Amino acid sequence: MVQYSPAHFSASFAALSDVTRRGVLEQLARADASITDLADKFGMTLTGMKKHVGILEEAGLVTTEKVGRVRTCKLGSCRLEEEAAWIERYHQLWAARFDELDTVVDELKRKEKASGRKKRI
């Protein structure tokens, strides 16, 4: 069984829980960008964008490099593989439970249909 770091997971999922931060990741997947460019793109203050980038950076999803007065952001080394594996594990668990529920419902429908036929006879 894969061991997951609760602190890492919390940081990743917290970072991904915000629509702006997910948008920043999508933007950085296309091209590196400065914090100023990201703030302009998302219509927010530089301070606000710095907070979002800081949260993404703590989760390992973004790295920044300061050259002169410009801080450039790029996708980080975290590839979300452990997070995807964790989600997939629960996806499979829920899928199995829904399959079992479908079986029960089908059986109940079959029994109801069979008992309905008997009443008509």
Foldseek 3Di string as FASTA:
>chain_A
DDDDDPVLVVLVVVLVVDPLSVVVLVVQVVHKAWLVVSCVVVVHDSVVSVVSVVSCVVSQQWDWDDDPNTIIIHGGPDPCPVVVVVVVVVVVVVVVVVVVVVVVVVVVVVVVVVVVVVVVD
